[in-house]
């Protein structure tokens, strides 16, 4: 049995994992979905990137979890990757779900796919927050209209400081035991930084034929992959 701590990406809260949590528990695991500061039901709390790292570490310690599998989706791969280094021997594995990964001194925004400065400008223009996508932004991601509606309804503006503050790593990410899940509808190949880590002995790649939000589009398949990642670790 493992204890999964599930952290969704930008704009989302613990609710995004509502269909994954029962599948993991039915497989005999502990499953704990976490809402980061400033999001979901914690909207309004001030947050920077290191706040989110502490949120994750504090949750593991508060629940006194062992055999922990940290799961970071999209943006949350950045704080999850840092938290994984800080929970010591409590950690069994880290899983990045179509996620960004932290790099020393770099932020989520500095690696933004549209180029440096684009995301920062969008945050500044929106009062210090990253505005959620509209329904049209989810086209081609394998989501039903109902699933898109759930995301749009549940999403809240994302605290900009969490996206622009730099990561602080204590050791190389390649030393972690990790699974990287690539969602193929969002792009066929991992980014170069992820691809480099996948050449190491401790990282594995798993592909899903769905879009960037698999906890909503393919929750059972995602739960099966998470269960298998533990079994094969």
Protein backbone atom coordinates (compact mmCIF):
# COMPACT_ATOMS: atom_id res chain seq x y z
CA UNK A 1 0.00 0.00 0.00
CA UNK A 2 1.15 3.52 -0.83
CA UNK A 3 -0.10 6.90 0.30
CA UNK A 4 -0.78 9.10 -2.71
CA UNK A 5 -0.74 12.87 -2.28
CA UNK A 6 -2.38 14.33 -5.37
CA UNK A 7 -1.81 17.95 -6.42
CA UNK A 8 -3.57 19.44 -9.44
CA UNK A 9 -2.17 22.12 -11.69
CA UNK A 10 -2.91 25.80 -12.20
CA UNK A 11 -6.39 27.12 -11.31
CA UNK A 12 -7.57 23.82 -9.80
CA UNK A 13 -8.16 22.41 -6.33
CA UNK A 14 -8.46 19.00 -4.70
CA UNK A 15 -11.83 18.51 -6.41
CA UNK A 16 -10.05 17.76 -9.70
CA UNK A 17 -9.10 14.33 -8.32
CA UNK A 18 -12.61 13.35 -7.22
CA UNK A 19 -12.80 10.43 -9.67
CA UNK A 20 -9.22 9.24 -9.10
CA UNK A 21 -9.26 9.10 -5.29
CA UNK A 22 -11.88 6.33 -4.97
CA UNK A 23 -10.12 4.23 -7.61
CA UNK A 24 -6.85 4.38 -5.67
CA UNK A 25 -8.58 3.59 -2.39
CA UNK A 26 -10.35 0.64 -4.00
CA UNK A 27 -6.89 -0.65 -4.97
CA UNK A 28 -5.86 -0.54 -1.30
CA UNK A 29 -3.95 2.72 -1.23
CA UNK A 30 -4.30 5.86 0.80
CA UNK A 31 -5.26 8.82 -1.40
CA UNK A 32 -5.13 12.44 -0.27
CA UNK A 33 -6.01 15.24 -2.69
CA UNK A 34 -4.53 18.59 -1.70
CA UNK A 35 -5.66 22.11 -2.52
CA UNK A 36 -2.74 24.54 -2.60
CA UNK A 37 -2.86 27.97 -0.97
CA UNK A 38 -4.71 30.58 -3.00
CA UNK A 39 -6.75 28.04 -4.97
CA UNK A 40 -10.08 26.25 -4.61
CA UNK A 41 -11.52 26.53 -1.14
CA UNK A 42 -8.27 28.25 -0.08
CA UNK A 43 -8.74 31.10 -2.52
CA UNK A 44 -7.64 34.43 -1.09
CA UNK A 45 -4.68 33.09 0.89
CA UNK A 46 -1.39 34.71 -0.17
CA UNK A 47 0.92 32.28 -1.93
CA UNK A 48 4.29 32.09 -3.60
CA UNK A 49 5.98 29.05 -5.03
CA UNK A 50 7.67 28.14 -1.75
CA UNK A 51 4.28 28.45 -0.03
CA UNK A 52 3.10 25.62 -2.26
CA UNK A 53 6.17 23.54 -1.50
CA UNK A 54 5.43 23.97 2.21
CA UNK A 55 1.75 23.12 1.66
CA UNK A 56 2.79 19.72 0.30
CA UNK A 57 5.44 18.98 2.89
CA UNK A 58 3.13 20.10 5.72
CA UNK A 59 0.34 17.82 4.47
CA UNK A 60 2.64 14.79 4.48
CA UNK A 61 3.89 15.60 7.97
CA UNK A 62 0.46 16.54 9.35
CA UNK A 63 -0.98 13.19 8.31
CA UNK A 64 2.27 11.40 9.29
CA UNK A 65 2.31 9.62 5.95
CA UNK A 66 4.86 6.98 4.96
CA UNK A 67 5.44 5.26 1.61
CA UNK A 68 4.38 8.52 -0.01
CA UNK A 69 3.82 8.90 -3.74
CA UNK A 70 3.67 12.59 -4.61
CA UNK A 71 1.68 13.25 -7.77
CA UNK A 72 2.06 16.61 -9.48
CA UNK A 73 -0.01 17.66 -12.48
CA UNK A 74 1.01 20.45 -14.86
CA UNK A 75 2.21 23.52 -12.85
CA UNK A 76 2.23 21.58 -9.60
CA UNK A 77 5.12 19.45 -10.82
CA UNK A 78 7.28 22.44 -9.90
CA UNK A 79 6.45 22.47 -6.15
CA UNK A 80 5.96 18.69 -6.02
CA UNK A 81 9.46 18.10 -7.39
CA UNK A 82 10.91 20.31 -4.65
CA UNK A 83 8.73 18.81 -1.90
CA UNK A 84 9.81 15.31 -2.96
CA UNK A 85 13.36 16.17 -1.97
CA UNK A 86 12.27 17.50 1.42
CA UNK A 87 10.21 14.67 2.87
CA UNK A 88 13.18 12.34 3.23
CA UNK A 89 12.57 8.64 3.71
CA UNK A 90 8.80 9.17 3.68
CA UNK A 91 8.99 9.30 -0.13
CA UNK A 92 8.47 6.17 -2.21
CA UNK A 93 8.08 7.76 -5.64
CA UNK A 94 7.13 10.95 -7.43
CA UNK A 95 4.82 11.02 -10.45
CA UNK A 96 4.69 13.96 -12.84
CA UNK A 97 1.44 14.08 -14.83
CA UNK A 98 2.11 16.05 -18.03
CA UNK A 99 3.91 18.39 -15.68
CA UNK A 100 6.59 20.97 -15.49
CA UNK A 101 9.65 20.02 -13.47
CA UNK A 102 11.67 22.37 -11.28
CA UNK A 103 15.10 23.64 -12.26
CA UNK A 104 17.38 25.42 -9.83
CA UNK A 105 16.83 29.18 -10.03
CA UNK A 106 14.15 28.88 -12.72
CA UNK A 107 10.42 29.49 -12.46
CA UNK A 108 7.38 28.04 -14.21
CA UNK A 109 7.08 31.29 -16.16
CA UNK A 110 10.71 31.34 -17.28
CA UNK A 111 10.19 28.04 -19.10
CA UNK A 112 6.79 29.02 -20.53
CA UNK A 113 6.35 27.56 -24.00
CA UNK A 114 5.37 30.83 -25.66
CA UNK A 115 8.63 32.48 -24.67
CA UNK A 116 10.14 34.33 -21.75
CA UNK A 117 8.12 37.30 -20.54
CA UNK A 118 4.78 36.31 -22.10
CA UNK A 119 3.28 34.72 -19.02
CA UNK A 120 4.70 37.38 -16.71
CA UNK A 121 3.03 40.07 -18.81
CA UNK A 122 -0.30 38.24 -18.71
CA UNK A 123 -0.10 37.97 -14.91
CA UNK A 124 0.71 41.66 -14.50
CA UNK A 125 -2.18 42.63 -16.76
CA UNK A 126 -4.56 40.54 -14.62
CA UNK A 127 -3.76 42.06 -11.25
CA UNK A 128 -1.13 39.54 -10.23
CA UNK A 129 -3.08 36.42 -11.19
CA UNK A 130 -3.07 34.02 -14.13
CA UNK A 131 -6.59 33.99 -15.55
CA UNK A 132 -8.17 30.54 -16.08
CA UNK A 133 -8.78 29.23 -19.56
CA UNK A 134 -12.17 29.68 -21.16
CA UNK A 135 -14.01 26.64 -22.50
CA UNK A 136 -12.43 27.08 -25.93
CA UNK A 137 -8.98 26.57 -24.41
CA UNK A 138 -9.77 22.92 -23.75
CA UNK A 139 -10.52 22.00 -27.36
CA UNK A 140 -8.70 18.89 -28.58
CA UNK A 141 -7.88 17.63 -25.07
CA UNK A 142 -10.17 14.60 -24.98
CA UNK A 143 -12.70 16.19 -22.64
CA UNK A 144 -16.47 16.04 -22.90
CA UNK A 145 -18.51 19.22 -22.71
CA UNK A 146 -19.52 18.21 -19.18
CA UNK A 147 -15.90 17.75 -18.12
CA UNK A 148 -14.92 21.09 -19.62
CA UNK A 149 -17.82 22.66 -17.74
CA UNK A 150 -16.57 21.20 -14.46
CA UNK A 151 -13.10 22.66 -14.98
CA UNK A 152 -14.37 26.08 -16.01
CA UNK A 153 -16.76 26.21 -13.05
CA UNK A 154 -14.15 25.07 -10.52
CA UNK A 155 -11.16 27.03 -11.79
CA UNK A 156 -10.04 30.21 -10.03
CA UNK A 157 -7.37 32.79 -10.91
CA UNK A 158 -3.95 31.39 -10.07
CA UNK A 159 -1.62 33.40 -7.78
CA UNK A 160 1.05 34.85 -10.03
CA UNK A 161 3.93 34.70 -7.54
CA UNK A 162 3.77 30.90 -7.52
CA UNK A 163 4.56 30.99 -11.24
CA UNK A 164 7.32 33.59 -11.21
CA UNK A 165 9.35 32.71 -8.11
CA UNK A 166 12.41 30.51 -8.74
CA UNK A 167 12.71 26.90 -7.66
CA UNK A 168 15.23 25.85 -5.00
CA UNK A 169 16.50 22.29 -5.35
CA UNK A 170 18.53 20.48 -2.73
CA UNK A 171 19.83 17.73 -5.03
CA UNK A 172 19.50 16.64 -8.68
CA UNK A 173 16.02 15.48 -9.72
CA UNK A 174 17.57 12.47 -11.41
CA UNK A 175 18.21 10.97 -7.96
CA UNK A 176 14.46 10.66 -7.36
CA UNK A 177 12.52 7.54 -8.33
CA UNK A 178 10.04 9.02 -10.78
CA UNK A 179 7.39 8.28 -13.35
CA UNK A 180 6.60 10.83 -16.03
CA UNK A 181 3.16 10.54 -17.64
CA UNK A 182 3.00 12.17 -21.09
CA UNK A 183 -0.48 12.99 -22.35
CA UNK A 184 -0.20 12.66 -26.10
CA UNK A 185 -3.05 14.94 -27.15
CA UNK A 186 -1.12 17.78 -25.54
CA UNK A 187 2.03 17.01 -27.51
CA UNK A 188 3.77 13.79 -28.56
CA UNK A 189 7.11 14.28 -26.80
CA UNK A 190 8.29 15.33 -23.34
CA UNK A 191 10.14 18.61 -23.10
CA UNK A 192 13.92 18.48 -23.42
CA UNK A 193 14.55 18.76 -19.68
CA UNK A 194 12.24 15.82 -18.99
CA UNK A 195 13.71 13.79 -21.86
CA UNK A 196 17.18 14.21 -20.37
CA UNK A 197 16.02 12.85 -17.01
CA UNK A 198 14.30 9.91 -18.69
CA UNK A 199 17.68 8.70 -19.90
CA UNK A 200 18.58 7.94 -16.27
CA UNK A 201 17.94 4.65 -14.54
CA UNK A 202 15.48 6.03 -11.96
CA UNK A 203 12.95 7.69 -14.29
CA UNK A 204 10.34 5.97 -16.46
CA UNK A 205 8.01 7.27 -19.17
CA UNK A 206 4.34 6.26 -19.49
CA UNK A 207 2.14 7.59 -22.29
CA UNK A 208 -1.60 8.25 -22.15
CA UNK A 209 -3.67 8.77 -25.28
CA UNK A 210 -5.59 11.67 -23.80
CA UNK A 211 -5.19 15.37 -23.12
CA UNK A 212 -3.60 17.49 -20.45
CA UNK A 213 -6.27 16.86 -17.79
CA UNK A 214 -6.33 13.02 -17.50
CA UNK A 215 -7.77 13.06 -13.97
CA UNK A 216 -10.97 14.27 -15.67
CA UNK A 217 -10.78 12.72 -19.14
CA UNK A 218 -9.43 9.27 -18.13
CA UNK A 219 -9.57 8.96 -14.31
CA UNK A 220 -9.71 5.15 -14.17
CA UNK A 221 -6.81 4.74 -16.57
CA UNK A 222 -4.78 7.32 -14.66
CA UNK A 223 -5.48 5.53 -11.37
CA UNK A 224 -4.43 2.23 -12.96
CA UNK A 225 -1.14 3.77 -14.11
CA UNK A 226 -0.51 5.24 -10.65
CA UNK A 227 -1.19 1.86 -9.03
CA UNK A 228 1.13 0.13 -11.49
CA UNK A 229 3.89 2.69 -10.92
CA UNK A 230 3.94 1.69 -7.26
CA UNK A 231 3.77 -2.05 -7.99
CA UNK A 232 6.72 -1.86 -10.38
CA UNK A 233 8.83 0.49 -8.28
